[in-house]
Amino acid sequence: GVPEVDAVVVGAGMSGLYTLHKLRGLGLTVQVFEKGDGVGG
């Protein structure tokens, strides 16, 4: 019953954003979690 994604990325700074972009380009479903209330790391 737990939802599935292909990849979880922890952090939405420069590395997290680029990771999301690259993995999404592979056709993966990706969820990014960021503790701040905005991106930027």
Full PDB file with SEQRES, HELIX, SHEET, SSBOND, CRYST1, ORIGX, SCALE, CONECT and MASTER records, all heavy atoms in Angstrom:
SEQRES   1 A   41  GLY VAL PRO GLU VAL ASP ALA VAL VAL VAL GLY ALA GLY          
SEQRES   2 A   41  MET SER GLY LEU TYR THR LEU HIS LYS LEU ARG GLY LEU          
SEQRES   3 A   41  GLY LEU THR VAL GLN VAL PHE GLU LYS GLY ASP GLY VAL          
SEQRES   4 A   41  GLY GLY                                                      
HELIX    1 AA1 MET A   14  GLY A   25  1                                  12    
SHEET    1 AA1 2 ALA A   7  VAL A  10  0                                        
SHEET    2 AA1 2 VAL A  30  PHE A  33  1                                        
CRYST1    1.000    1.000    1.000  90.00  90.00  90.00 P 1           1          
ORIGX1      1.000000  0.000000  0.000000        0.00000                         
ORIGX2      0.000000  1.000000  0.000000        0.00000                         
ORIGX3      0.000000  0.000000  1.000000        0.00000                         
SCALE1      1.000000  0.000000  0.000000        0.00000                         
SCALE2      0.000000  1.000000  0.000000        0.00000                         
SCALE3      0.000000  0.000000  1.000000        0.00000                         
ATOM      1  N   GLY A   1       0.787  -1.221   0.000  1.00  0.00           N  
ATOM      2  CA  GLY A   1       0.000   0.000   0.000  1.00  0.00           C  
ATOM      3  C   GLY A   1       0.822   1.277   0.000  1.00  0.00           C  
ATOM      4  O   GLY A   1       0.266   2.365  -0.096  1.00  0.00           O  
ATOM      5  N   VAL A   2       2.142   1.164   0.109  1.00  0.00           N  
ATOM      6  CA  VAL A   2       2.997   2.348   0.102  1.00  0.00           C  
ATOM      7  C   VAL A   2       3.252   2.776  -1.345  1.00  0.00           C  
ATOM      8  O   VAL A   2       3.598   1.948  -2.187  1.00  0.00           O  
ATOM      9  CB  VAL A   2       4.327   2.063   0.821  1.00  0.00           C  
ATOM     10  CG1 VAL A   2       5.304   3.223   0.642  1.00  0.00           C  
ATOM     11  CG2 VAL A   2       4.086   1.811   2.310  1.00  0.00           C  
ATOM     12  N   PRO A   3       3.092   4.065  -1.658  1.00  0.00           N  
ATOM     13  CA  PRO A   3       3.322   4.526  -3.036  1.00  0.00           C  
ATOM     14  C   PRO A   3       4.750   4.248  -3.486  1.00  0.00           C  
ATOM     15  O   PRO A   3       5.681   4.254  -2.677  1.00  0.00           O  
ATOM     16  CB  PRO A   3       3.050   6.030  -2.953  1.00  0.00           C  
ATOM     17  CG  PRO A   3       2.245   6.222  -1.717  1.00  0.00           C  
ATOM     18  CD  PRO A   3       2.654   5.158  -0.774  1.00  0.00           C  
ATOM     19  N   GLU A   4       4.898   4.025  -4.789  1.00  0.00           N  
ATOM     20  CA  GLU A   4       6.207   3.743  -5.372  1.00  0.00           C  
ATOM     21  C   GLU A   4       6.647   4.863  -6.300  1.00  0.00           C  
ATOM     22  O   GLU A   4       5.836   5.438  -7.015  1.00  0.00           O  
ATOM     23  CB  GLU A   4       6.163   2.450  -6.186  1.00  0.00           C  
ATOM     24  CG  GLU A   4       6.017   1.183  -5.395  1.00  0.00           C  
ATOM     25  CD  GLU A   4       6.186  -0.050  -6.279  1.00  0.00           C  
ATOM     26  OE1 GLU A   4       6.543   0.127  -7.469  1.00  0.00           O  
ATOM     27  OE2 GLU A   4       5.974  -1.157  -5.790  1.00  0.00           O  
ATOM     28  N   VAL A   5       7.937   5.153  -6.273  1.00  0.00           N  
ATOM     29  CA  VAL A   5       8.584   5.953  -7.308  1.00  0.00           C  
ATOM     30  C   VAL A   5       9.885   5.252  -7.662  1.00  0.00           C  
ATOM     31  O   VAL A   5      10.364   4.399  -6.919  1.00  0.00           O  
ATOM     32  CB  VAL A   5       8.874   7.407  -6.851  1.00  0.00           C  
ATOM     33  CG1 VAL A   5       7.589   8.191  -6.654  1.00  0.00           C  
ATOM     34  CG2 VAL A   5       9.729   7.423  -5.585  1.00  0.00           C  
ATOM     35  N   ASP A   6      10.437   5.627  -8.782  1.00  0.00           N  
ATOM     36  CA  ASP A   6      11.717   5.028  -9.159  1.00  0.00           C  
ATOM     37  C   ASP A   6      12.863   5.574  -8.320  1.00  0.00           C  
ATOM     38  O   ASP A   6      13.782   4.836  -7.964  1.00  0.00           O  
ATOM     39  CB  ASP A   6      12.010   5.286 -10.645  1.00  0.00           C  
ATOM     40  CG  ASP A   6      11.037   4.576 -11.567  1.00  0.00           C  
ATOM     41  OD1 ASP A   6      10.702   3.408 -11.271  1.00  0.00           O  
ATOM     42  OD2 ASP A   6      10.605   5.187 -12.556  1.00  0.00           O  
ATOM     43  N   ALA A   7      12.826   6.878  -8.020  1.00  0.00           N  
ATOM     44  CA  ALA A   7      13.943   7.491  -7.302  1.00  0.00           C  
ATOM     45  C   ALA A   7      13.447   8.560  -6.346  1.00  0.00           C  
ATOM     46  O   ALA A   7      12.539   9.331  -6.671  1.00  0.00           O  
ATOM     47  CB  ALA A   7      14.942   8.093  -8.286  1.00  0.00           C  
ATOM     48  N   VAL A   8      14.079   8.597  -5.170  1.00  0.00           N  
ATOM     49  CA  VAL A   8      13.890   9.692  -4.224  1.00  0.00           C  
ATOM     50  C   VAL A   8      15.191  10.484  -4.174  1.00  0.00           C  
ATOM     51  O   VAL A   8      16.278   9.904  -4.030  1.00  0.00           O  
ATOM     52  CB  VAL A   8      13.528   9.177  -2.817  1.00  0.00           C  
ATOM     53  CG1 VAL A   8      13.684  10.278  -1.767  1.00  0.00           C  
ATOM     54  CG2 VAL A   8      12.106   8.634  -2.798  1.00  0.00           C  
ATOM     55  N   VAL A   9      15.079  11.797  -4.307  1.00  0.00           N  
ATOM     56  CA  VAL A   9      16.230  12.695  -4.219  1.00  0.00           C  
ATOM     57  C   VAL A   9      16.045  13.550  -2.980  1.00  0.00           C  
ATOM     58  O   VAL A   9      14.985  14.149  -2.782  1.00  0.00           O  
ATOM     59  CB  VAL A   9      16.347  13.582  -5.477  1.00  0.00           C  
ATOM     60  CG1 VAL A   9      17.511  14.561  -5.333  1.00  0.00           C  
ATOM     61  CG2 VAL A   9      16.510  12.720  -6.724  1.00  0.00           C  
ATOM     62  N   VAL A  10      17.063  13.598  -2.143  1.00  0.00           N  
ATOM     63  CA  VAL A  10      16.995  14.366  -0.897  1.00  0.00           C  
ATOM     64  C   VAL A  10      17.779  15.658  -1.079  1.00  0.00           C  
ATOM     65  O   VAL A  10      19.003  15.645  -1.226  1.00  0.00           O  
ATOM     66  CB  VAL A  10      17.551  13.560   0.291  1.00  0.00           C  
ATOM     67  CG1 VAL A  10      17.343  14.330   1.595  1.00  0.00           C  
ATOM     68  CG2 VAL A  10      16.892  12.188   0.362  1.00  0.00           C  
ATOM     69  N   GLY A  11      17.057  16.786  -1.113  1.00  0.00           N  
ATOM     70  CA  GLY A  11      17.691  18.091  -1.283  1.00  0.00           C  
ATOM     71  C   GLY A  11      17.367  18.706  -2.626  1.00  0.00           C  
ATOM     72  O   GLY A  11      17.400  18.024  -3.657  1.00  0.00           O  
ATOM     73  N   ALA A  12      17.031  20.006  -2.606  1.00  0.00           N  
ATOM     74  CA  ALA A  12      16.691  20.714  -3.853  1.00  0.00           C  
ATOM     75  C   ALA A  12      17.612  21.907  -4.060  1.00  0.00           C  
ATOM     76  O   ALA A  12      17.191  22.984  -4.458  1.00  0.00           O  
ATOM     77  CB  ALA A  12      15.224  21.158  -3.836  1.00  0.00           C  
ATOM     78  N   GLY A  13      18.901  21.684  -3.783  1.00  0.00           N  
ATOM     79  CA  GLY A  13      19.904  22.651  -4.183  1.00  0.00           C  
ATOM     80  C   GLY A  13      20.332  22.373  -5.614  1.00  0.00           C  
ATOM     81  O   GLY A  13      19.627  21.710  -6.381  1.00  0.00           O  
ATOM     82  N   MET A  14      21.518  22.844  -5.977  1.00  0.00           N  
ATOM     83  CA  MET A  14      21.955  22.678  -7.365  1.00  0.00           C  
ATOM     84  C   MET A  14      22.119  21.206  -7.733  1.00  0.00           C  
ATOM     85  O   MET A  14      21.778  20.793  -8.849  1.00  0.00           O  
ATOM     86  CB  MET A  14      23.250  23.463  -7.592  1.00  0.00           C  
ATOM     87  CG  MET A  14      23.060  24.967  -7.396  1.00  0.00           C  
ATOM     88  SD  MET A  14      24.554  25.945  -7.651  1.00  0.00           S  
ATOM     89  CE  MET A  14      24.496  26.202  -9.426  1.00  0.00           C  
ATOM     90  N   SER A  15      22.620  20.384  -6.800  1.00  0.00           N  
ATOM     91  CA  SER A  15      22.796  18.968  -7.128  1.00  0.00           C  
ATOM     92  C   SER A  15      21.460  18.247  -7.204  1.00  0.00           C  
ATOM     93  O   SER A  15      21.250  17.402  -8.080  1.00  0.00           O  
ATOM     94  CB  SER A  15      23.722  18.298  -6.112  1.00  0.00           C  
ATOM     95  OG  SER A  15      23.258  18.454  -4.798  1.00  0.00           O  
ATOM     96  N   GLY A  16      20.530  18.563  -6.307  1.00  0.00           N  
ATOM     97  CA  GLY A  16      19.225  17.922  -6.335  1.00  0.00           C  
ATOM     98  C   GLY A  16      18.437  18.263  -7.579  1.00  0.00           C  
ATOM     99  O   GLY A  16      17.786  17.399  -8.188  1.00  0.00           O  
ATOM    100  N   LEU A  17      18.484  19.529  -7.978  1.00  0.00           N  
ATOM    101  CA  LEU A  17      17.749  19.953  -9.172  1.00  0.00           C  
ATOM    102  C   LEU A  17      18.301  19.283 -10.431  1.00  0.00           C  
ATOM    103  O   LEU A  17      17.536  18.819 -11.294  1.00  0.00           O  
ATOM    104  CB  LEU A  17      17.800  21.474  -9.312  1.00  0.00           C  
ATOM    105  CG  LEU A  17      17.075  22.276  -8.233  1.00  0.00           C  
ATOM    106  CD1 LEU A  17      17.229  23.770  -8.494  1.00  0.00           C  
ATOM    107  CD2 LEU A  17      15.594  21.903  -8.148  1.00  0.00           C  
ATOM    108  N   TYR A  18      19.621  19.232 -10.534  1.00  0.00           N  
ATOM    109  CA  TYR A  18      20.195  18.617 -11.729  1.00  0.00           C  
ATOM    110  C   TYR A  18      19.950  17.110 -11.738  1.00  0.00           C  
ATOM    111  O   TYR A  18      19.698  16.513 -12.793  1.00  0.00           O  
ATOM    112  CB  TYR A  18      21.694  18.929 -11.829  1.00  0.00           C  
ATOM    113  CG  TYR A  18      22.318  18.492 -13.137  1.00  0.00           C  
ATOM    114  CD1 TYR A  18      21.616  18.588 -14.340  1.00  0.00           C  
ATOM    115  CD2 TYR A  18      23.609  17.965 -13.175  1.00  0.00           C  
ATOM    116  CE1 TYR A  18      22.186  18.184 -15.535  1.00  0.00           C  
ATOM    117  CE2 TYR A  18      24.188  17.565 -14.362  1.00  0.00           C  
ATOM    118  CZ  TYR A  18      23.469  17.672 -15.544  1.00  0.00           C  
ATOM    119  OH  TYR A  18      24.032  17.264 -16.743  1.00  0.00           O  
ATOM    120  N   THR A  19      19.988  16.489 -10.562  1.00  0.00           N  
ATOM    121  CA  THR A  19      19.677  15.060 -10.484  1.00  0.00           C  
ATOM    122  C   THR A  19      18.250  14.796 -10.955  1.00  0.00           C  
ATOM    123  O   THR A  19      17.991  13.861 -11.733  1.00  0.00           O  
ATOM    124  CB  THR A  19      19.857  14.546  -9.045  1.00  0.00           C  
ATOM    125  OG1 THR A  19      21.203  14.764  -8.618  1.00  0.00           O  
ATOM    126  CG2 THR A  19      19.538  13.063  -8.954  1.00  0.00           C  
ATOM    127  N   LEU A  20      17.316  15.604 -10.497  1.00  0.00           N  
ATOM    128  CA  LEU A  20      15.922  15.468 -10.926  1.00  0.00           C  
ATOM    129  C   LEU A  20      15.821  15.589 -12.446  1.00  0.00           C  
ATOM    130  O   LEU A  20      15.159  14.778 -13.109  1.00  0.00           O  
ATOM    131  CB  LEU A  20      15.062  16.534 -10.240  1.00  0.00           C  
ATOM    132  CG  LEU A  20      13.633  16.721 -10.760  1.00  0.00           C  
ATOM    133  CD1 LEU A  20      12.843  15.422 -10.669  1.00  0.00           C  
ATOM    134  CD2 LEU A  20      12.934  17.841  -9.985  1.00  0.00           C  
ATOM    135  N   HIS A  21      16.468  16.595 -13.009  1.00  0.00           N  
ATOM    136  CA  HIS A  21      16.419  16.813 -14.456  1.00  0.00           C  
ATOM    137  C   HIS A  21      16.975  15.607 -15.214  1.00  0.00           C  
ATOM    138  O   HIS A  21      16.365  15.136 -16.194  1.00  0.00           O  
ATOM    139  CB  HIS A  21      17.218  18.073 -14.794  1.00  0.00           C  
ATOM    140  CG  HIS A  21      17.312  18.364 -16.262  1.00  0.00           C  
ATOM    141  ND1 HIS A  21      16.216  18.682 -17.030  1.00  0.00           N  
ATOM    142  CD2 HIS A  21      18.390  18.371 -17.092  1.00  0.00           C  
ATOM    143  CE1 HIS A  21      16.606  18.883 -18.287  1.00  0.00           C  
ATOM    144  NE2 HIS A  21      17.912  18.694 -18.351  1.00  0.00           N  
ATOM    145  N   LYS A  22      18.110  15.077 -14.766  1.00  0.00           N  
ATOM    146  CA  LYS A  22      18.737  13.959 -15.476  1.00  0.00           C  
ATOM    147  C   LYS A  22      17.922  12.674 -15.338  1.00  0.00           C  
ATOM    148  O   LYS A  22      17.729  11.942 -16.323  1.00  0.00           O  
ATOM    149  CB  LYS A  22      20.154  13.735 -14.940  1.00  0.00           C  
ATOM    150  CG  LYS A  22      21.155  14.776 -15.365  1.00  0.00           C  
ATOM    151  CD  LYS A  22      21.425  14.769 -16.860  1.00  0.00           C  
ATOM    152  CE  LYS A  22      22.213  13.564 -17.302  1.00  0.00           C  
ATOM    153  NZ  LYS A  22      22.559  13.635 -18.745  1.00  0.00           N  
ATOM    154  N   LEU A  23      17.424  12.371 -14.136  1.00  0.00           N  
ATOM    155  CA  LEU A  23      16.686  11.131 -13.947  1.00  0.00           C  
ATOM    156  C   LEU A  23      15.337  11.190 -14.641  1.00  0.00           C  
ATOM    157  O   LEU A  23      14.859  10.186 -15.192  1.00  0.00           O  
ATOM    158  CB  LEU A  23      16.512  10.836 -12.453  1.00  0.00           C  
ATOM    159  CG  LEU A  23      17.795  10.582 -11.657  1.00  0.00           C  
ATOM    160  CD1 LEU A  23      17.466  10.133 -10.245  1.00  0.00           C  
ATOM    161  CD2 LEU A  23      18.692   9.557 -12.355  1.00  0.00           C  
ATOM    162  N   ARG A  24      14.724  12.357 -14.624  1.00  0.00           N  
ATOM    163  CA  ARG A  24      13.466  12.508 -15.355  1.00  0.00           C  
ATOM    164  C   ARG A  24      13.711  12.273 -16.847  1.00  0.00           C  
ATOM    165  O   ARG A  24      12.867  11.690 -17.544  1.00  0.00           O  
ATOM    166  CB  ARG A  24      12.896  13.910 -15.116  1.00  0.00           C  
ATOM    167  CG  ARG A  24      11.498  14.085 -15.646  1.00  0.00           C  
ATOM    168  CD  ARG A  24      11.136  15.560 -15.644  1.00  0.00           C  
ATOM    169  NE  ARG A  24      10.677  16.026 -14.354  1.00  0.00           N  
ATOM    170  CZ  ARG A  24      10.436  17.322 -14.084  1.00  0.00           C  
ATOM    171  NH1 ARG A  24      10.652  18.245 -15.012  1.00  0.00           N  
ATOM    172  NH2 ARG A  24       9.995  17.680 -12.898  1.00  0.00           N  
ATOM    173  N   GLY A  25      14.862  12.710 -17.343  1.00  0.00           N  
ATOM    174  CA  GLY A  25      15.202  12.490 -18.745  1.00  0.00           C  
ATOM    175  C   GLY A  25      15.374  11.028 -19.108  1.00  0.00           C  
ATOM    176  O   GLY A  25      15.289  10.659 -20.283  1.00  0.00           O  
ATOM    177  N   LEU A  26      15.616  10.179 -18.099  1.00  0.00           N  
ATOM    178  CA  LEU A  26      15.707   8.738 -18.336  1.00  0.00           C  
ATOM    179  C   LEU A  26      14.338   8.067 -18.316  1.00  0.00           C  
ATOM    180  O   LEU A  26      14.224   6.862 -18.509  1.00  0.00           O  
ATOM    181  CB  LEU A  26      16.589   8.081 -17.259  1.00  0.00           C  
ATOM    182  CG  LEU A  26      18.050   8.504 -17.189  1.00  0.00           C  
ATOM    183  CD1 LEU A  26      18.751   7.776 -16.041  1.00  0.00           C  
ATOM    184  CD2 LEU A  26      18.769   8.245 -18.509  1.00  0.00           C  
ATOM    185  N   GLY A  27      13.299   8.861 -18.018  1.00  0.00           N  
ATOM    186  CA  GLY A  27      11.960   8.305 -17.939  1.00  0.00           C  
ATOM    187  C   GLY A  27      11.589   7.807 -16.555  1.00  0.00           C  
ATOM    188  O   GLY A  27      10.574   7.119 -16.396  1.00  0.00           O  
ATOM    189  N   LEU A  28      12.394   8.140 -15.548  1.00  0.00           N  
ATOM    190  CA  LEU A  28      12.110   7.704 -14.185  1.00  0.00           C  
ATOM    191  C   LEU A  28      11.079   8.611 -13.532  1.00  0.00           C  
ATOM    192  O   LEU A  28      11.003   9.812 -13.826  1.00  0.00           O  
ATOM    193  CB  LEU A  28      13.379   7.709 -13.329  1.00  0.00           C  
ATOM    194  CG  LEU A  28      14.273   6.459 -13.364  1.00  0.00           C  
ATOM    195  CD1 LEU A  28      14.866   6.253 -14.736  1.00  0.00           C  
ATOM    196  CD2 LEU A  28      15.366   6.560 -12.306  1.00  0.00           C  
ATOM    197  N   THR A  29      10.307   8.030 -12.621  1.00  0.00           N  
ATOM    198  CA  THR A  29       9.474   8.841 -11.736  1.00  0.00           C  
ATOM    199  C   THR A  29      10.333   9.228 -10.535  1.00  0.00           C  
ATOM    200  O   THR A  29      10.996   8.371  -9.931  1.00  0.00           O  
ATOM    201  CB  THR A  29       8.235   8.069 -11.274  1.00  0.00           C  
ATOM    202  OG1 THR A  29       8.638   6.842 -10.662  1.00  0.00           O  
ATOM    203  CG2 THR A  29       7.310   7.780 -12.440  1.00  0.00           C  
ATOM    204  N   VAL A  30      10.337  10.515 -10.211  1.00  0.00           N  
ATOM    205  CA  VAL A  30      11.254  11.032  -9.194  1.00  0.00           C  
ATOM    206  C   VAL A  30      10.481  11.895  -8.198  1.00  0.00           C  
ATOM    207  O   VAL A  30       9.624  12.694  -8.588  1.00  0.00           O  
ATOM    208  CB  VAL A  30      12.375  11.888  -9.838  1.00  0.00           C  
ATOM    209  CG1 VAL A  30      13.394  12.314  -8.790  1.00  0.00           C  
ATOM    210  CG2 VAL A  30      13.054  11.139 -10.976  1.00  0.00           C  
ATOM    211  N   GLN A  31      10.806  11.738  -6.921  1.00  0.00           N  
ATOM    212  CA  GLN A  31      10.273  12.618  -5.884  1.00  0.00           C  
ATOM    213  C   GLN A  31      11.451  13.257  -5.149  1.00  0.00           C  
ATOM    214  O   GLN A  31      12.322  12.555  -4.631  1.00  0.00           O  
ATOM    215  CB  GLN A  31       9.414  11.856  -4.873  1.00  0.00           C  
ATOM    216  CG  GLN A  31       8.871  12.713  -3.732  1.00  0.00           C  
ATOM    217  CD  GLN A  31       7.916  13.798  -4.218  1.00  0.00           C  
ATOM    218  OE1 GLN A  31       6.859  13.505  -4.760  1.00  0.00           O  
ATOM    219  NE2 GLN A  31       8.303  15.061  -4.044  1.00  0.00           N  
ATOM    220  N   VAL A  32      11.456  14.584  -5.128  1.00  0.00           N  
ATOM    221  CA  VAL A  32      12.478  15.336  -4.397  1.00  0.00           C  
ATOM    222  C   VAL A  32      11.863  15.857  -3.106  1.00  0.00           C  
ATOM    223  O   VAL A  32      10.753  16.391  -3.110  1.00  0.00           O  
ATOM    224  CB  VAL A  32      13.008  16.516  -5.238  1.00  0.00           C  
ATOM    225  CG1 VAL A  32      14.071  17.299  -4.461  1.00  0.00           C  
ATOM    226  CG2 VAL A  32      13.582  16.025  -6.562  1.00  0.00           C  
ATOM    227  N   PHE A  33      12.593  15.707  -2.010  1.00  0.00           N  
ATOM    228  CA  PHE A  33      12.187  16.278  -0.733  1.00  0.00           C  
ATOM    229  C   PHE A  33      13.200  17.348  -0.330  1.00  0.00           C  
ATOM    230  O   PHE A  33      14.415  17.132  -0.405  1.00  0.00           O  
ATOM    231  CB  PHE A  33      12.116  15.212   0.360  1.00  0.00           C  
ATOM    232  CG  PHE A  33      11.011  14.219   0.171  1.00  0.00           C  
ATOM    233  CD1 PHE A  33      11.291  12.904  -0.165  1.00  0.00           C  
ATOM    234  CD2 PHE A  33       9.686  14.596   0.334  1.00  0.00           C  
ATOM    235  CE1 PHE A  33      10.272  11.970  -0.342  1.00  0.00           C  
ATOM    236  CE2 PHE A  33       8.649  13.673   0.158  1.00  0.00           C  
ATOM    237  CZ  PHE A  33       8.951  12.365  -0.179  1.00  0.00           C  
ATOM    238  N   GLU A  34      12.678  18.496   0.104  1.00  0.00           N  
ATOM    239  CA  GLU A  34      13.522  19.627   0.505  1.00  0.00           C  
ATOM    240  C   GLU A  34      13.001  20.199   1.817  1.00  0.00           C  
ATOM    241  O   GLU A  34      11.816  20.507   1.932  1.00  0.00           O  
ATOM    242  CB  GLU A  34      13.513  20.703  -0.590  1.00  0.00           C  
ATOM    243  CG  GLU A  34      14.047  22.058  -0.195  1.00  0.00           C  
ATOM    244  CD  GLU A  34      15.469  22.011   0.333  1.00  0.00           C  
ATOM    245  OE1 GLU A  34      16.338  21.405  -0.324  1.00  0.00           O  
ATOM    246  OE2 GLU A  34      15.707  22.602   1.413  1.00  0.00           O  
ATOM    247  N   LYS A  35      13.900  20.337   2.799  1.00  0.00           N  
ATOM    248  CA  LYS A  35      13.457  20.805   4.115  1.00  0.00           C  
ATOM    249  C   LYS A  35      13.135  22.295   4.145  1.00  0.00           C  
ATOM    250  O   LYS A  35      12.358  22.753   4.986  1.00  0.00           O  
ATOM    251  CB  LYS A  35      14.497  20.477   5.179  1.00  0.00           C  
ATOM    252  CG  LYS A  35      15.806  21.223   5.053  1.00  0.00           C  
ATOM    253  CD  LYS A  35      16.769  20.811   6.167  1.00  0.00           C  
ATOM    254  CE  LYS A  35      18.112  21.515   6.040  1.00  0.00           C  
ATOM    255  NZ  LYS A  35      19.046  21.119   7.127  1.00  0.00           N  
ATOM    256  N   GLY A  36      13.702  23.065   3.221  1.00  0.00           N  
ATOM    257  CA  GLY A  36      13.392  24.489   3.172  1.00  0.00           C  
ATOM    258  C   GLY A  36      12.070  24.755   2.476  1.00  0.00           C  
ATOM    259  O   GLY A  36      11.482  23.863   1.856  1.00  0.00           O  
ATOM    260  N   ASP A  37      11.609  26.012   2.551  1.00  0.00           N  
ATOM    261  CA  ASP A  37      10.361  26.342   1.860  1.00  0.00           C  
ATOM    262  C   ASP A  37      10.616  26.928   0.475  1.00  0.00           C  
ATOM    263  O   ASP A  37       9.754  27.547  -0.130  1.00  0.00           O  
ATOM    264  CB  ASP A  37       9.478  27.275   2.692  1.00  0.00           C  
ATOM    265  CG  ASP A  37      10.123  28.618   2.973  1.00  0.00           C  
ATOM    266  OD1 ASP A  37      11.169  28.934   2.373  1.00  0.00           O  
ATOM    267  OD2 ASP A  37       9.589  29.371   3.806  1.00  0.00           O  
ATOM    268  N   GLY A  38      11.822  26.704  -0.028  1.00  0.00           N  
ATOM    269  CA  GLY A  38      12.169  27.098  -1.387  1.00  0.00           C  
ATOM    270  C   GLY A  38      13.366  26.296  -1.859  1.00  0.00           C  
ATOM    271  O   GLY A  38      14.074  25.674  -1.055  1.00  0.00           O  
ATOM    272  N   VAL A  39      13.600  26.284  -3.162  1.00  0.00           N  
ATOM    273  CA  VAL A  39      14.762  25.588  -3.713  1.00  0.00           C  
ATOM    274  C   VAL A  39      15.986  26.493  -3.585  1.00  0.00           C  
ATOM    275  O   VAL A  39      15.868  27.689  -3.319  1.00  0.00           O  
ATOM    276  CB  VAL A  39      14.534  25.188  -5.184  1.00  0.00           C  
ATOM    277  CG1 VAL A  39      13.288  24.334  -5.327  1.00  0.00           C  
ATOM    278  CG2 VAL A  39      14.445  26.429  -6.088  1.00  0.00           C  
ATOM    279  N   GLY A  40      17.166  25.907  -3.794  1.00  0.00           N  
ATOM    280  CA  GLY A  40      18.370  26.727  -3.794  1.00  0.00           C  
ATOM    281  C   GLY A  40      19.484  26.220  -2.921  1.00  0.00           C  
ATOM    282  O   GLY A  40      20.637  26.634  -3.073  1.00  0.00           O  
ATOM    283  N   GLY A  41      19.178  25.344  -1.957  1.00  0.00           N  
ATOM    284  CA  GLY A  41      20.239  24.763  -1.141  1.00  0.00           C  
ATOM    285  C   GLY A  41      21.049  25.817  -0.413  1.00  0.00           C  
ATOM    286  O   GLY A  41      20.513  26.648   0.334  1.00  0.00           O  
TER     287      GLY A  41                                                      
MASTER        0    0    0    1    2    0    0    6  286    1    0    4          
END                                                                             
